[in-house]
PDB file of N, CA and C in Angstrom:
ATOM      1  N   MET A   1       2.748   1.991  -1.168  1.00  0.00           N
ATOM      2  CA  MET A   1       1.398   2.445  -1.389  1.00  0.00           C
ATOM      3  C   MET A   1       1.365   3.965  -1.517  1.00  0.00           C
ATOM      4  N   ASP A   2       2.229   4.649  -0.780  1.00  0.00           N
ATOM      5  CA  ASP A   2       2.181   6.112  -0.771  1.00  0.00           C
ATOM      6  C   ASP A   2       2.367   6.715  -2.161  1.00  0.00           C
ATOM      7  N   SER A   3       3.389   6.250  -2.881  1.00  0.00           N
ATOM      8  CA  SER A   3       3.648   6.850  -4.192  1.00  0.00           C
ATOM      9  C   SER A   3       2.548   6.519  -5.197  1.00  0.00           C
ATOM     10  N   VAL A   4       1.995   5.311  -5.120  1.00  0.00           N
ATOM     11  CA  VAL A   4       0.887   4.932  -6.010  1.00  0.00           C
ATOM     12  C   VAL A   4      -0.334   5.797  -5.711  1.00  0.00           C
ATOM     13  N   ALA A   5      -0.627   6.002  -4.422  1.00  0.00           N
ATOM     14  CA  ALA A   5      -1.781   6.819  -4.034  1.00  0.00           C
ATOM     15  C   ALA A   5      -1.606   8.262  -4.482  1.00  0.00           C
ATOM     16  N   ARG A   6      -0.413   8.800  -4.303  1.00  0.00           N
ATOM     17  CA  ARG A   6      -0.154  10.182  -4.727  1.00  0.00           C
ATOM     18  C   ARG A   6      -0.301  10.342  -6.235  1.00  0.00           C
ATOM     19  N   HIS A   7       0.242   9.389  -6.976  1.00  0.00           N
ATOM     20  CA  HIS A   7       0.155   9.435  -8.443  1.00  0.00           C
ATOM     21  C   HIS A   7      -1.301   9.332  -8.905  1.00  0.00           C
ATOM     22  N   ALA A   8      -2.044   8.390  -8.324  1.00  0.00           N
ATOM     23  CA  ALA A   8      -3.447   8.205  -8.706  1.00  0.00           C
ATOM     24  C   ALA A   8      -4.277   9.432  -8.343  1.00  0.00           C
ATOM     25  N   ALA A   9      -4.056   9.990  -7.156  1.00  0.00           N
ATOM     26  CA  ALA A   9      -4.812  11.178  -6.739  1.00  0.00           C
ATOM     27  C   ALA A   9      -4.546  12.344  -7.676  1.00  0.00           C
ATOM     28  N   HIS A  10      -3.309  12.493  -8.076  1.00  0.00           N
ATOM     29  CA  HIS A  10      -2.950  13.600  -8.966  1.00  0.00           C
ATOM     30  C   HIS A  10      -3.568  13.431 -10.355  1.00  0.00           C
ATOM     31  N   HIS A  11      -3.435  12.226 -10.921  1.00  0.00           N
ATOM     32  CA  HIS A  11      -3.880  12.010 -12.298  1.00  0.00           C
ATOM     33  C   HIS A  11      -5.366  11.690 -12.439  1.00  0.00           C
ATOM     34  N   LEU A  12      -5.980  11.081 -11.424  1.00  0.00           N
ATOM     35  CA  LEU A  12      -7.385  10.706 -11.541  1.00  0.00           C
ATOM     36  C   LEU A  12      -8.341  11.685 -10.861  1.00  0.00           C
ATOM     37  N   LEU A  13      -7.889  12.312  -9.766  1.00  0.00           N
ATOM     38  CA  LEU A  13      -8.763  13.213  -9.018  1.00  0.00           C
ATOM     39  C   LEU A  13      -8.274  14.663  -9.037  1.00  0.00           C
ATOM     40  N   ASN A  14      -7.150  14.899  -9.702  1.00  0.00           N
ATOM     41  CA  ASN A  14      -6.572  16.239  -9.785  1.00  0.00           C
ATOM     42  C   ASN A  14      -6.323  16.827  -8.384  1.00  0.00           C
ATOM     43  N   LEU A  15      -5.766  15.986  -7.486  1.00  0.00           N
ATOM     44  CA  LEU A  15      -5.477  16.388  -6.108  1.00  0.00           C
ATOM     45  C   LEU A  15      -3.999  16.200  -5.805  1.00  0.00           C
ATOM     46  N   THR A  16      -3.472  17.048  -4.949  1.00  0.00           N
ATOM     47  CA  THR A  16      -2.137  16.856  -4.387  1.00  0.00           C
ATOM     48  C   THR A  16      -2.328  16.491  -2.923  1.00  0.00           C
ATOM     49  N   LEU A  17      -1.814  15.344  -2.529  1.00  0.00           N
ATOM     50  CA  LEU A  17      -2.018  14.844  -1.173  1.00  0.00           C
ATOM     51  C   LEU A  17      -1.031  15.464  -0.190  1.00  0.00           C
ATOM     52  N   PRO A  18      -1.461  15.638   1.067  1.00  0.00           N
ATOM     53  CA  PRO A  18      -0.556  16.188   2.085  1.00  0.00           C
ATOM     54  C   PRO A  18       0.509  15.167   2.482  1.00  0.00           C
ATOM     55  N   ASN A  19       1.533  15.648   3.118  1.00  0.00           N
ATOM     56  CA  ASN A  19       2.586  14.774   3.607  1.00  0.00           C
ATOM     57  C   ASN A  19       2.695  14.955   5.111  1.00  0.00           C
ATOM     58  N   PRO A  20       2.596  13.954   5.933  1.00  0.00           N
ATOM     59  CA  PRO A  20       2.379  12.543   5.629  1.00  0.00           C
ATOM     60  C   PRO A  20       0.901  12.234   5.380  1.00  0.00           C
ATOM     61  N   LEU A  21       0.666  11.079   4.787  1.00  0.00           N
ATOM     62  CA  LEU A  21      -0.704  10.636   4.540  1.00  0.00           C
ATOM     63  C   LEU A  21      -1.346  10.164   5.850  1.00  0.00           C
ATOM     64  N   THR A  22      -2.642  10.355   5.975  1.00  0.00           N
ATOM     65  CA  THR A  22      -3.378   9.879   7.147  1.00  0.00           C
ATOM     66  C   THR A  22      -3.917   8.487   6.837  1.00  0.00           C
ATOM     67  N   LEU A  23      -3.347   7.484   7.479  1.00  0.00           N
ATOM     68  CA  LEU A  23      -3.723   6.094   7.235  1.00  0.00           C
ATOM     69  C   LEU A  23      -4.666   5.613   8.331  1.00  0.00           C
ATOM     70  N   HIS A  24      -5.501   4.658   7.976  1.00  0.00           N
ATOM     71  CA  HIS A  24      -6.453   4.058   8.900  1.00  0.00           C
ATOM     72  C   HIS A  24      -6.024   2.607   9.131  1.00  0.00           C
ATOM     73  N   TYR A  25      -6.057   2.162  10.382  1.00  0.00           N
ATOM     74  CA  TYR A  25      -5.706   0.790  10.739  1.00  0.00           C
ATOM     75  C   TYR A  25      -6.970   0.084  11.233  1.00  0.00           C
ATOM     76  N   PRO A  26      -7.688  -0.641  10.349  1.00  0.00           N
ATOM     77  CA  PRO A  26      -8.988  -1.206  10.708  1.00  0.00           C
ATOM     78  C   PRO A  26      -8.943  -2.408  11.652  1.00  0.00           C
ATOM     79  N   TRP A  27      -7.810  -3.111  11.732  1.00  0.00           N
ATOM     80  CA  TRP A  27      -7.732  -4.264  12.607  1.00  0.00           C
ATOM     81  C   TRP A  27      -7.147  -3.828  13.936  1.00  0.00           C
ATOM     82  N   LYS A  28      -7.931  -3.911  14.989  1.00  0.00           N
ATOM     83  CA  LYS A  28      -7.483  -3.464  16.315  1.00  0.00           C
ATOM     84  C   LYS A  28      -6.222  -4.213  16.746  1.00  0.00           C
ATOM     85  N   GLY A  29      -5.253  -3.463  17.259  1.00  0.00           N
ATOM     86  CA  GLY A  29      -4.024  -4.050  17.764  1.00  0.00           C
ATOM     87  C   GLY A  29      -3.042  -4.486  16.699  1.00  0.00           C
ATOM     88  N   SER A  30      -3.309  -4.180  15.437  1.00  0.00           N
ATOM     89  CA  SER A  30      -2.411  -4.606  14.363  1.00  0.00           C
ATOM     90  C   SER A  30      -2.210  -3.476  13.366  1.00  0.00           C
ATOM     91  N   GLN A  31      -0.966  -3.282  12.988  1.00  0.00           N
ATOM     92  CA  GLN A  31      -0.660  -2.310  11.939  1.00  0.00           C
ATOM     93  C   GLN A  31      -0.319  -3.024  10.640  1.00  0.00           C
ATOM     94  N   ASP A  32      -0.708  -4.295  10.536  1.00  0.00           N
ATOM     95  CA  ASP A  32      -0.394  -5.076   9.356  1.00  0.00           C
ATOM     96  C   ASP A  32      -1.375  -4.864   8.209  1.00  0.00           C
ATOM     97  N   LEU A  33      -2.426  -4.098   8.437  1.00  0.00           N
ATOM     98  CA  LEU A  33      -3.315  -3.653   7.357  1.00  0.00           C
ATOM     99  C   LEU A  33      -3.484  -2.148   7.497  1.00  0.00           C
ATOM    100  N   ARG A  34      -3.107  -1.452   6.449  1.00  0.00           N
ATOM    101  CA  ARG A  34      -3.266   0.007   6.425  1.00  0.00           C
ATOM    102  C   ARG A  34      -4.214   0.349   5.283  1.00  0.00           C
ATOM    103  N   GLU A  35      -5.115   1.271   5.526  1.00  0.00           N
ATOM    104  CA  GLU A  35      -6.060   1.711   4.497  1.00  0.00           C
ATOM    105  C   GLU A  35      -5.933   3.210   4.282  1.00  0.00           C
ATOM    106  N   LEU A  36      -6.211   3.612   3.066  1.00  0.00           N
ATOM    107  CA  LEU A  36      -6.225   5.028   2.716  1.00  0.00           C
ATOM    108  C   LEU A  36      -7.379   5.241   1.746  1.00  0.00           C
ATOM    109  N   THR A  37      -8.225   6.204   2.036  1.00  0.00           N
ATOM    110  CA  THR A  37      -9.325   6.565   1.143  1.00  0.00           C
ATOM    111  C   THR A  37      -9.145   8.014   0.742  1.00  0.00           C
ATOM    112  N   ILE A  38      -9.178   8.252  -0.554  1.00  0.00           N
ATOM    113  CA  ILE A  38      -9.047   9.606  -1.094  1.00  0.00           C
ATOM    114  C   ILE A  38     -10.323   9.899  -1.873  1.00  0.00           C
ATOM    115  N   SER A  39     -10.958  11.002  -1.559  1.00  0.00           N
ATOM    116  CA  SER A  39     -12.183  11.342  -2.286  1.00  0.00           C
ATOM    117  C   SER A  39     -12.197  12.821  -2.632  1.00  0.00           C
ATOM    118  N   ARG A  40     -12.921  13.104  -3.695  1.00  0.00           N
ATOM    119  CA  ARG A  40     -13.148  14.479  -4.113  1.00  0.00           C
ATOM    120  C   ARG A  40     -14.574  14.546  -4.632  1.00  0.00           C
ATOM    121  N   PRO A  41     -15.403  15.391  -4.010  1.00  0.00           N
ATOM    122  CA  PRO A  41     -16.804  15.491  -4.438  1.00  0.00           C
ATOM    123  C   PRO A  41     -16.916  15.772  -5.943  1.00  0.00           C
ATOM    124  N   GLY A  42     -17.758  15.010  -6.578  1.00  0.00           N
ATOM    125  CA  GLY A  42     -17.974  15.164  -8.009  1.00  0.00           C
ATOM    126  C   GLY A  42     -16.969  14.415  -8.871  1.00  0.00           C
ATOM    127  N   TRP A  43     -15.886  13.935  -8.281  1.00  0.00           N
ATOM    128  CA  TRP A  43     -14.842  13.234  -9.031  1.00  0.00           C
ATOM    129  C   TRP A  43     -14.833  11.749  -8.713  1.00  0.00           C
ATOM    130  N   GLY A  44     -15.115  11.392  -7.477  1.00  0.00           N
ATOM    131  CA  GLY A  44     -15.108   9.986  -7.097  1.00  0.00           C
ATOM    132  C   GLY A  44     -14.240   9.717  -5.896  1.00  0.00           C
ATOM    133  N   GLU A  45     -13.990   8.434  -5.664  1.00  0.00           N
ATOM    134  CA  GLU A  45     -13.251   7.989  -4.488  1.00  0.00           C
ATOM    135  C   GLU A  45     -12.281   6.888  -4.892  1.00  0.00           C
ATOM    136  N   LEU A  46     -11.103   6.893  -4.287  1.00  0.00           N
ATOM    137  CA  LEU A  46     -10.114   5.842  -4.487  1.00  0.00           C
ATOM    138  C   LEU A  46      -9.798   5.217  -3.140  1.00  0.00           C
ATOM    139  N   ARG A  47      -9.769   3.870  -3.095  1.00  0.00           N
ATOM    140  CA  ARG A  47      -9.477   3.162  -1.844  1.00  0.00           C
ATOM    141  C   ARG A  47      -8.237   2.302  -2.040  1.00  0.00           C
ATOM    142  N   PHE A  48      -7.293   2.439  -1.104  1.00  0.00           N
ATOM    143  CA  PHE A  48      -6.032   1.725  -1.149  1.00  0.00           C
ATOM    144  C   PHE A  48      -5.859   0.912   0.126  1.00  0.00           C
ATOM    145  N   ALA A  49      -5.127  -0.199   0.020  1.00  0.00           N
ATOM    146  CA  ALA A  49      -4.800  -1.004   1.193  1.00  0.00           C
ATOM    147  C   ALA A  49      -3.376  -1.519   1.052  1.00  0.00           C
ATOM    148  N   SER A  50      -2.741  -1.691   2.187  1.00  0.00           N
ATOM    149  CA  SER A  50      -1.409  -2.274   2.251  1.00  0.00           C
ATOM    150  C   SER A  50      -1.445  -3.321   3.354  1.00  0.00           C
ATOM    151  N   VAL A  51      -1.106  -4.574   3.019  1.00  0.00           N
ATOM    152  CA  VAL A  51      -1.207  -5.665   3.993  1.00  0.00           C
ATOM    153  C   VAL A  51       0.111  -6.435   4.028  1.00  0.00           C
ATOM    154  N   TYR A  52       0.499  -6.852   5.249  1.00  0.00           N
ATOM    155  CA  TYR A  52       1.762  -7.552   5.468  1.00  0.00           C
ATOM    156  C   TYR A  52       1.524  -8.876   6.172  1.00  0.00           C
ATOM    157  N   GLY A  53       2.306  -9.887   5.817  1.00  0.00           N
ATOM    158  CA  GLY A  53       2.251 -11.187   6.477  1.00  0.00           C
ATOM    159  C   GLY A  53       1.214 -12.108   5.858  1.00  0.00           C
ATOM    160  N   PHE A  54       1.591 -13.389   5.672  1.00  0.00           N
ATOM    161  CA  PHE A  54       0.707 -14.346   4.996  1.00  0.00           C
ATOM    162  C   PHE A  54      -0.657 -14.484   5.664  1.00  0.00           C
ATOM    163  N   ARG A  55      -0.688 -14.545   6.979  1.00  0.00           N
ATOM    164  CA  ARG A  55      -1.968 -14.711   7.685  1.00  0.00           C
ATOM    165  C   ARG A  55      -2.894 -13.538   7.380  1.00  0.00           C
ATOM    166  N   HIS A  56      -2.348 -12.325   7.406  1.00  0.00           N
ATOM    167  CA  HIS A  56      -3.153 -11.138   7.149  1.00  0.00           C
ATOM    168  C   HIS A  56      -3.559 -11.042   5.677  1.00  0.00           C
ATOM    169  N   ILE A  57      -2.668 -11.476   4.796  1.00  0.00           N
ATOM    170  CA  ILE A  57      -3.001 -11.503   3.362  1.00  0.00           C
ATOM    171  C   ILE A  57      -4.188 -12.434   3.133  1.00  0.00           C
ATOM    172  N   GLN A  58      -4.149 -13.619   3.740  1.00  0.00           N
ATOM    173  CA  GLN A  58      -5.255 -14.572   3.591  1.00  0.00           C
ATOM    174  C   GLN A  58      -6.558 -13.999   4.135  1.00  0.00           C
ATOM    175  N   ASN A  59      -6.498 -13.325   5.291  1.00  0.00           N
ATOM    176  CA  ASN A  59      -7.703 -12.720   5.864  1.00  0.00           C
ATOM    177  C   ASN A  59      -8.276 -11.651   4.941  1.00  0.00           C
ATOM    178  N   LEU A  60      -7.417 -10.808   4.387  1.00  0.00           N
ATOM    179  CA  LEU A  60      -7.891  -9.739   3.510  1.00  0.00           C
ATOM    180  C   LEU A  60      -8.488 -10.299   2.220  1.00  0.00           C
ATOM    181  N   VAL A  61      -7.822 -11.283   1.631  1.00  0.00           N
ATOM    182  CA  VAL A  61      -8.346 -11.901   0.395  1.00  0.00           C
ATOM    183  C   VAL A  61      -9.717 -12.519   0.670  1.00  0.00           C
ATOM    184  N   ALA A  62      -9.879 -13.176   1.808  1.00  0.00           N
ATOM    185  CA  ALA A  62     -11.179 -13.769   2.158  1.00  0.00           C
ATOM    186  C   ALA A  62     -12.242 -12.684   2.309  1.00  0.00           C
ATOM    187  N   GLN A  63     -11.901 -11.567   2.947  1.00  0.00           N
ATOM    188  CA  GLN A  63     -12.860 -10.461   3.094  1.00  0.00           C
ATOM    189  C   GLN A  63     -13.253  -9.882   1.741  1.00  0.00           C
ATOM    190  N   ILE A  64     -12.279  -9.746   0.842  1.00  0.00           N
ATOM    191  CA  ILE A  64     -12.578  -9.218  -0.493  1.00  0.00           C
ATOM    192  C   ILE A  64     -13.490 -10.182  -1.246  1.00  0.00           C
ATOM    193  N   LYS A  65     -13.201 -11.486  -1.177  1.00  0.00           N
ATOM    194  CA  LYS A  65     -14.028 -12.486  -1.867  1.00  0.00           C
ATOM    195  C   LYS A  65     -15.449 -12.507  -1.334  1.00  0.00           C
ATOM    196  N   ARG A  66     -15.628 -12.286  -0.018  1.00  0.00           N
ATOM    197  CA  ARG A  66     -16.965 -12.266   0.574  1.00  0.00           C
ATOM    198  C   ARG A  66     -17.681 -10.947   0.333  1.00  0.00           C
ATOM    199  N   GLY A  67     -16.999  -9.994  -0.276  1.00  0.00           N
ATOM    200  CA  GLY A  67     -17.611  -8.695  -0.556  1.00  0.00           C
ATOM    201  C   GLY A  67     -17.681  -7.785   0.658  1.00  0.00           C
ATOM    202  N   GLU A  68     -16.873  -8.060   1.673  1.00  0.00           N
ATOM    203  CA  GLU A  68     -16.891  -7.256   2.896  1.00  0.00           C
ATOM    204  C   GLU A  68     -16.090  -5.961   2.757  1.00  0.00           C
ATOM    205  N   CYS A  69     -15.209  -5.915   1.776  1.00  0.00           N
ATOM    206  CA  CYS A  69     -14.435  -4.694   1.543  1.00  0.00           C
ATOM    207  C   CYS A  69     -14.069  -4.628   0.058  1.00  0.00           C
ATOM    208  N   GLU A  70     -13.761  -3.440  -0.393  1.00  0.00           N
ATOM    209  CA  GLU A  70     -13.450  -3.217  -1.803  1.00  0.00           C
ATOM    210  C   GLU A  70     -12.343  -2.179  -1.900  1.00  0.00           C
ATOM    211  N   TYR A  71     -11.323  -2.483  -2.702  1.00  0.00           N
ATOM    212  CA  TYR A  71     -10.200  -1.578  -2.885  1.00  0.00           C
ATOM    213  C   TYR A  71      -9.910  -1.394  -4.370  1.00  0.00           C
ATOM    214  N   ASP A  72      -9.333  -0.256  -4.700  1.00  0.00           N
ATOM    215  CA  ASP A  72      -8.870  -0.017  -6.064  1.00  0.00           C
ATOM    216  C   ASP A  72      -7.440  -0.507  -6.241  1.00  0.00           C
ATOM    217  N   TYR A  73      -6.695  -0.561  -5.136  1.00  0.00           N
ATOM    218  CA  TYR A  73      -5.288  -0.978  -5.177  1.00  0.00           C
ATOM    219  C   TYR A  73      -4.959  -1.654  -3.849  1.00  0.00           C
ATOM    220  N   VAL A  74      -4.288  -2.806  -3.919  1.00  0.00           N
ATOM    221  CA  VAL A  74      -3.844  -3.509  -2.714  1.00  0.00           C
ATOM    222  C   VAL A  74      -2.361  -3.828  -2.874  1.00  0.00           C
ATOM    223  N   GLU A  75      -1.555  -3.368  -1.908  1.00  0.00           N
ATOM    224  CA  GLU A  75      -0.128  -3.682  -1.870  1.00  0.00           C
ATOM    225  C   GLU A  75       0.056  -4.837  -0.906  1.00  0.00           C
ATOM    226  N   VAL A  76       0.771  -5.870  -1.328  1.00  0.00           N
ATOM    227  CA  VAL A  76       0.935  -7.075  -0.533  1.00  0.00           C
ATOM    228  C   VAL A  76       2.423  -7.369  -0.349  1.00  0.00           C
ATOM    229  N   MET A  77       2.819  -7.589   0.910  1.00  0.00           N
ATOM    230  CA  MET A  77       4.184  -8.042   1.215  1.00  0.00           C
ATOM    231  C   MET A  77       4.083  -9.199   2.193  1.00  0.00           C
ATOM    232  N   ALA A  78       4.763 -10.298   1.883  1.00  0.00           N
ATOM    233  CA  ALA A  78       4.662 -11.509   2.689  1.00  0.00           C
ATOM    234  C   ALA A  78       5.295 -11.366   4.071  1.00  0.00           C
ATOM    235  N   CYS A  79       6.298 -10.527   4.199  1.00  0.00           N
ATOM    236  CA  CYS A  79       7.009 -10.381   5.478  1.00  0.00           C
ATOM    237  C   CYS A  79       6.136  -9.647   6.494  1.00  0.00           C
ATOM    238  N   PRO A  80       6.084 -10.143   7.736  1.00  0.00           N
ATOM    239  CA  PRO A  80       5.377  -9.390   8.773  1.00  0.00           C
ATOM    240  C   PRO A  80       5.996  -8.003   8.930  1.00  0.00           C
ATOM    241  N   ARG A  81       5.168  -6.979   9.059  1.00  0.00           N
ATOM    242  CA  ARG A  81       5.600  -5.575   9.183  1.00  0.00           C
ATOM    243  C   ARG A  81       6.288  -5.054   7.916  1.00  0.00           C
ATOM    244  N   GLY A  82       6.157  -5.769   6.813  1.00  0.00           N
ATOM    245  CA  GLY A  82       6.767  -5.325   5.562  1.00  0.00           C
ATOM    246  C   GLY A  82       8.160  -5.900   5.403  1.00  0.00           C
ATOM    247  N   CYS A  83       8.622  -5.923   4.177  1.00  0.00           N
ATOM    248  CA  CYS A  83       9.931  -6.497   3.884  1.00  0.00           C
ATOM    249  C   CYS A  83      11.041  -5.542   4.328  1.00  0.00           C
ATOM    250  N   THR A  84      12.084  -6.096   4.933  1.00  0.00           N
ATOM    251  CA  THR A  84      13.173  -5.299   5.484  1.00  0.00           C
ATOM    252  C   THR A  84      13.802  -4.403   4.439  1.00  0.00           C
ATOM    253  N   ASN A  85      14.040  -4.939   3.261  1.00  0.00           N
ATOM    254  CA  ASN A  85      14.677  -4.165   2.204  1.00  0.00           C
ATOM    255  C   ASN A  85      13.642  -3.483   1.309  1.00  0.00           C
ATOM    256  N   GLY A  86      12.379  -3.542   1.687  1.00  0.00           N
ATOM    257  CA  GLY A  86      11.318  -2.947   0.875  1.00  0.00           C
ATOM    258  C   GLY A  86      10.879  -3.910  -0.210  1.00  0.00           C
ATOM    259  N   GLY A  87       9.625  -3.844  -0.567  1.00  0.00           N
ATOM    260  CA  GLY A  87       9.097  -4.737  -1.591  1.00  0.00           C
ATOM    261  C   GLY A  87       9.704  -4.458  -2.952  1.00  0.00           C
ATOM    262  N   GLY A  88      10.261  -5.469  -3.588  1.00  0.00           N
ATOM    263  CA  GLY A  88      10.790  -5.323  -4.929  1.00  0.00           C
ATOM    264  C   GLY A  88      12.037  -4.456  -5.022  1.00  0.00           C
ATOM    265  N   GLN A  89      12.694  -4.215  -3.904  1.00  0.00           N
ATOM    266  CA  GLN A  89      13.882  -3.357  -3.907  1.00  0.00           C
ATOM    267  C   GLN A  89      15.126  -4.178  -4.223  1.00  0.00           C
ATOM    268  N   VAL A  90      16.106  -3.518  -4.804  1.00  0.00           N
ATOM    269  CA  VAL A  90      17.374  -4.163  -5.117  1.00  0.00           C
ATOM    270  C   VAL A  90      18.102  -4.452  -3.807  1.00  0.00           C
ATOM    271  N   ARG A  91      18.657  -5.633  -3.693  1.00  0.00           N
ATOM    272  CA  ARG A  91      19.387  -6.003  -2.482  1.00  0.00           C
ATOM    273  C   ARG A  91      20.710  -5.240  -2.413  1.00  0.00           C
ATOM    274  N   ALA A  92      21.195  -5.040  -1.212  1.00  0.00           N
ATOM    275  CA  ALA A  92      22.416  -4.262  -0.983  1.00  0.00           C
ATOM    276  C   ALA A  92      23.600  -4.815  -1.779  1.00  0.00           C
ATOM    277  N   GLN A  93      23.743  -6.147  -1.867  1.00  0.00           N
ATOM    278  CA  GLN A  93      24.864  -6.716  -2.614  1.00  0.00           C
ATOM    279  C   GLN A  93      24.796  -6.319  -4.082  1.00  0.00           C
ATOM    280  N   ALA A  94      23.602  -6.282  -4.655  1.00  0.00           N
ATOM    281  CA  ALA A  94      23.452  -5.916  -6.060  1.00  0.00           C
ATOM    282  C   ALA A  94      23.808  -4.446  -6.275  1.00  0.00           C
ATOM    283  N   ILE A  95      23.467  -3.589  -5.332  1.00  0.00           N
ATOM    284  CA  ILE A  95      23.813  -2.180  -5.440  1.00  0.00           C
ATOM    285  C   ILE A  95      25.317  -1.993  -5.395  1.00  0.00           C
ATOM    286  N   ASP A  96      25.999  -2.746  -4.509  1.00  0.00           N
ATOM    287  CA  ASP A  96      27.458  -2.671  -4.427  1.00  0.00           C
ATOM    288  C   ASP A  96      28.093  -3.108  -5.745  1.00  0.00           C
ATOM    289  N   ALA A  97      27.551  -4.153  -6.372  1.00  0.00           N
ATOM    290  CA  ALA A  97      28.092  -4.615  -7.653  1.00  0.00           C
ATOM    291  C   ALA A  97      27.907  -3.555  -8.735  1.00  0.00           C
ATOM    292  N   VAL A  98      26.762  -2.905  -8.756  1.00  0.00           N
ATOM    293  CA  VAL A  98      26.519  -1.845  -9.735  1.00  0.00           C
ATOM    294  C   VAL A  98      27.493  -0.695  -9.521  1.00  0.00           C
ATOM    295  N   ASN A  99      27.674  -0.294  -8.263  1.00  0.00           N
ATOM    296  CA  ASN A  99      28.612   0.797  -7.952  1.00  0.00           C
ATOM    297  C   ASN A  99      30.037   0.451  -8.355  1.00  0.00           C
ATOM    298  N   ARG A 100      30.461  -0.790  -8.164  1.00  0.00           N
ATOM    299  CA  ARG A 100      31.820  -1.204  -8.565  1.00  0.00           C
ATOM    300  C   ARG A 100      31.994  -1.112 -10.076  1.00  0.00           C
ATOM    301  N   ASN A 101      30.944  -1.454 -10.815  1.00  0.00           N
ATOM    302  CA  ASN A 101      31.046  -1.451 -12.276  1.00  0.00           C
ATOM    303  C   ASN A 101      31.073  -0.041 -12.854  1.00  0.00           C
ATOM    304  N   PHE A 102      30.597   0.937 -12.108  1.00  0.00           N
ATOM    305  CA  PHE A 102      30.612   2.308 -12.604  1.00  0.00           C
ATOM    306  C   PHE A 102      31.727   3.005 -11.954  1.00  0.00           C
TER     307      PHE A 102
END
Protein backbone atom coordinates (compact mmCIF):
# COMPACT_ATOMS: atom_id res chain seq x y z
CA MET A 1 0.00 0.00 0.00
CA ASP A 2 2.85 2.38 0.80
CA SER A 3 4.26 2.61 -2.72
CA VAL A 4 0.79 2.95 -4.30
CA ALA A 5 -0.10 5.73 -1.83
CA ARG A 6 3.17 7.57 -2.47
CA HIS A 7 2.74 7.33 -6.24
CA ALA A 8 -0.89 8.49 -6.11
CA ALA A 9 -0.09 11.38 -3.75
CA HIS A 10 2.71 12.55 -6.00
CA HIS A 11 0.81 12.30 -9.30
CA LEU A 12 -2.73 13.19 -8.18
CA LEU A 13 -2.18 15.64 -5.30
CA ASN A 14 1.33 16.89 -6.11
CA LEU A 15 2.52 15.83 -2.62
CA THR A 16 5.58 14.01 -1.33
CA LEU A 17 4.67 11.87 1.67
CA PRO A 18 6.84 11.62 4.80
CA ASN A 19 8.60 8.43 5.76
CA PRO A 20 7.23 6.48 7.61
CA LEU A 21 3.56 6.91 6.79
CA THR A 22 1.13 7.49 9.67
CA LEU A 23 -1.40 4.66 9.50
CA HIS A 24 -4.70 4.38 11.35
CA TYR A 25 -5.94 1.07 12.80
CA PRO A 26 -9.76 1.40 13.05
CA TRP A 27 -10.46 -2.05 14.52
CA LYS A 28 -9.55 -2.10 18.21
CA GLY A 29 -7.05 -4.79 19.13
CA SER A 30 -6.29 -5.69 15.51
CA GLN A 31 -3.67 -4.52 13.06
CA ASP A 32 -5.26 -6.52 10.25
CA LEU A 33 -6.88 -3.38 8.78
CA ARG A 34 -4.71 -0.35 8.15
CA GLU A 35 -6.05 2.92 6.76
CA LEU A 36 -4.31 5.92 5.29
CA THR A 37 -5.97 9.19 4.28
CA ILE A 38 -4.08 11.78 2.27
CA SER A 39 -5.62 15.17 1.66
CA ARG A 40 -4.64 18.50 0.23
CA PRO A 41 -6.98 21.49 0.49
CA GLY A 42 -8.33 22.43 -2.91
CA TRP A 43 -7.04 19.20 -4.49
CA GLY A 44 -9.07 16.49 -2.81
CA GLU A 45 -8.61 13.43 -0.64
CA LEU A 46 -7.38 9.88 -1.24
CA ARG A 47 -8.31 6.99 1.07
CA PHE A 48 -6.36 3.73 1.18
CA ALA A 49 -6.86 0.49 3.11
CA SER A 50 -4.84 -2.66 3.60
CA VAL A 51 -6.59 -5.74 5.02
CA TYR A 52 -5.25 -9.19 5.92
CA GLY A 53 -6.96 -12.53 6.56
CA PHE A 54 -10.17 -13.93 5.05
CA ARG A 55 -12.37 -13.05 8.04
CA HIS A 56 -11.22 -9.43 7.96
CA ILE A 57 -11.55 -9.26 4.17
CA GLN A 58 -15.17 -10.43 4.45
CA ASN A 59 -15.88 -7.85 7.17
CA LEU A 60 -14.40 -5.02 5.11
CA VAL A 61 -16.24 -6.03 1.93
CA ALA A 62 -19.52 -6.12 3.90
CA GLN A 63 -18.83 -2.64 5.31
CA ILE A 64 -18.09 -1.29 1.83
CA LYS A 65 -21.28 -2.85 0.41
CA ARG A 66 -23.35 -1.32 3.23
CA GLY A 67 -21.81 2.08 2.49
CA GLU A 68 -20.16 2.31 5.92
CA CYS A 69 -16.75 3.12 4.46
CA GLU A 70 -15.29 4.20 1.14
CA TYR A 71 -11.77 3.77 -0.24
CA ASP A 72 -9.97 4.70 -3.43
CA TYR A 73 -7.62 1.72 -3.11
CA VAL A 74 -7.83 -1.50 -1.08
CA GLU A 75 -4.90 -3.93 -0.76
CA VAL A 76 -5.99 -7.46 0.14
CA MET A 77 -3.86 -10.38 1.36
CA ALA A 78 -5.46 -13.64 2.47
CA CYS A 79 -2.73 -14.52 5.00
CA PRO A 80 -3.25 -13.25 8.55
CA ARG A 81 -0.77 -10.39 9.23
CA GLY A 82 0.09 -10.35 5.52
CA CYS A 83 1.82 -12.89 3.34
CA THR A 84 5.23 -14.05 4.58
CA ASN A 85 6.91 -13.55 1.23
CA GLY A 86 4.87 -10.43 0.47
CA GLY A 87 1.87 -10.20 -1.81
CA GLY A 88 2.67 -11.18 -5.38
CA GLN A 89 6.38 -11.56 -4.63
CA VAL A 90 8.62 -14.07 -6.37
CA ARG A 91 9.30 -17.09 -4.18
CA ALA A 92 12.86 -17.69 -2.97
CA GLN A 93 13.25 -20.84 -5.11
CA ALA A 94 12.39 -18.88 -8.26
CA ILE A 95 14.94 -16.20 -7.39
CA ASP A 96 17.63 -18.86 -6.92
CA ALA A 97 16.78 -20.32 -10.35
CA VAL A 98 17.05 -16.89 -11.97
CA ASN A 99 20.41 -16.26 -10.28
CA ARG A 100 21.75 -19.64 -11.48
CA ASN A 101 20.75 -18.85 -15.06
CA PHE A 102 22.63 -15.54 -15.02
